[in-house]
Amino acid sequence: MNVITCAPCDGAETYRVRADGWFVCPAGHELAPADVDLDGMTTWAVDATGTLGSVVYPAYSLELIAEALDDLAESGNRSAHDAAYSACLDYVAAYRCGVA
């Protein structure tokens, strides 16, 4: 998981989830879930410690794993192996945060 840091704190602090579902940094800056803006094939998630971060969508990770394993089976290419391994790590990170 890539931790999302607080922009008003110049990235020095991380956000944690509150009971009401909003996020807050130790300095008190709040962030609404709707204001978490991510690019590409990522989504926000909260880990077991309550820290806000981003993970790759699990379905996208599985697509990449399947493509890389197909490439590996066809060519024995080491880069295909590395791509499959990286996608597996992304999938596990999302799974650990409860994103399925």
Protein backbone atom coordinates (compact mmCIF):
# COMPACT_ATOMS: atom_id res chain seq x y z
CA MET A 1 0.00 0.00 0.00
CA ASN A 2 1.22 3.49 -0.85
CA VAL A 3 0.50 5.78 2.09
CA ILE A 4 -1.37 9.01 1.29
CA THR A 5 0.15 11.97 3.11
CA CYS A 6 -1.31 15.31 4.13
CA ALA A 7 -0.65 18.07 1.58
CA PRO A 8 -1.15 20.96 4.06
CA CYS A 9 1.51 19.32 6.26
CA ASP A 10 3.88 19.14 3.23
CA GLY A 11 3.56 15.37 3.20
CA ALA A 12 5.05 15.00 6.67
CA GLU A 13 1.93 13.41 8.18
CA THR A 14 -0.36 10.56 7.18
CA TYR A 15 -4.12 10.43 7.32
CA ARG A 16 -5.95 8.01 9.58
CA VAL A 17 -9.59 7.01 9.43
CA ARG A 18 -12.05 8.40 11.99
CA ALA A 19 -15.19 6.68 13.28
CA ASP A 20 -17.33 8.82 10.94
CA GLY A 21 -15.41 7.58 7.87
CA TRP A 22 -13.51 10.82 7.23
CA PHE A 23 -9.73 11.01 7.43
CA VAL A 24 -7.63 13.26 9.67
CA CYS A 25 -3.91 13.89 10.09
CA PRO A 26 -2.29 14.48 13.52
CA ALA A 27 -2.36 18.24 12.84
CA GLY A 28 -6.16 18.09 12.45
CA HIS A 29 -6.47 18.51 8.68
CA GLU A 30 -9.53 16.63 7.46
CA LEU A 31 -10.10 14.80 4.20
CA ALA A 32 -13.47 13.51 2.98
CA PRO A 33 -13.49 10.11 1.25
CA ALA A 34 -15.02 11.78 -1.83
CA ASP A 35 -12.00 14.12 -2.01
CA VAL A 36 -9.44 11.33 -2.29
CA ASP A 37 -8.40 11.79 -5.92
CA LEU A 38 -6.39 9.00 -7.50
CA ASP A 39 -5.24 8.39 -11.05
CA GLY A 40 -5.30 5.24 -13.09
CA MET A 41 -6.10 1.80 -11.80
CA THR A 42 -5.85 2.61 -8.09
CA THR A 43 -8.32 3.02 -5.28
CA TRP A 44 -8.01 4.22 -1.72
CA ALA A 45 -7.86 1.76 1.16
CA VAL A 46 -7.29 1.73 4.90
CA ASP A 47 -4.85 -0.76 6.38
CA ALA A 48 -5.16 -2.59 9.71
CA THR A 49 -3.67 0.38 11.58
CA GLY A 50 -6.25 2.80 10.13
CA THR A 51 -3.78 4.53 7.80
CA LEU A 52 -5.09 5.84 4.46
CA GLY A 53 -3.30 4.69 1.35
CA SER A 54 -3.79 3.62 -2.23
CA VAL A 55 -3.72 0.18 -3.80
CA VAL A 56 -4.03 -1.16 -7.33
CA TYR A 57 -7.51 -2.49 -8.12
CA PRO A 58 -7.36 -6.26 -7.51
CA ALA A 59 -9.12 -7.07 -10.79
CA TYR A 60 -6.47 -5.10 -12.68
CA SER A 61 -3.69 -6.91 -10.81
CA LEU A 62 -5.22 -10.26 -11.75
CA GLU A 63 -5.37 -9.17 -15.41
CA LEU A 64 -1.68 -8.29 -15.32
CA ILE A 65 -0.83 -11.58 -13.62
CA ALA A 66 -2.68 -13.56 -16.29
CA GLU A 67 -1.02 -11.63 -19.13
CA ALA A 68 2.45 -11.99 -17.63
CA LEU A 69 1.99 -15.71 -17.00
CA ASP A 70 0.82 -16.19 -20.59
CA ASP A 71 3.92 -14.33 -21.81
CA LEU A 72 6.10 -16.39 -19.52
CA ALA A 73 4.61 -19.65 -20.76
CA GLU A 74 5.12 -18.62 -24.38
CA SER A 75 8.59 -17.14 -24.17
CA GLY A 76 10.26 -17.94 -20.85
CA ASN A 77 10.99 -14.20 -20.63
CA ARG A 78 12.35 -13.06 -17.24
CA SER A 79 10.56 -9.70 -17.51
CA ALA A 80 7.22 -11.55 -17.72
CA HIS A 81 8.09 -13.32 -14.48
CA ASP A 82 8.96 -9.99 -12.83
CA ALA A 83 5.69 -8.44 -14.05
CA ALA A 84 3.65 -11.34 -12.65
CA TYR A 85 5.44 -11.11 -9.32
CA SER A 86 4.88 -7.34 -9.09
CA ALA A 87 1.17 -7.73 -9.92
CA CYS A 88 0.89 -10.45 -7.27
CA LEU A 89 2.34 -8.08 -4.68
CA ASP A 90 -0.17 -5.39 -5.70
CA TYR A 91 -3.02 -7.88 -5.38
CA VAL A 92 -1.90 -9.02 -1.93
CA ALA A 93 -1.57 -5.39 -0.74
CA ALA A 94 -5.15 -4.65 -1.80
CA TYR A 95 -6.41 -7.88 -0.26
CA ARG A 96 -4.78 -7.06 3.08
CA CYS A 97 -6.70 -3.78 3.13
CA GLY A 98 -9.98 -5.54 2.43
CA VAL A 99 -10.28 -4.38 -1.17
CA ALA A 100 -11.62 -7.25 -3.25
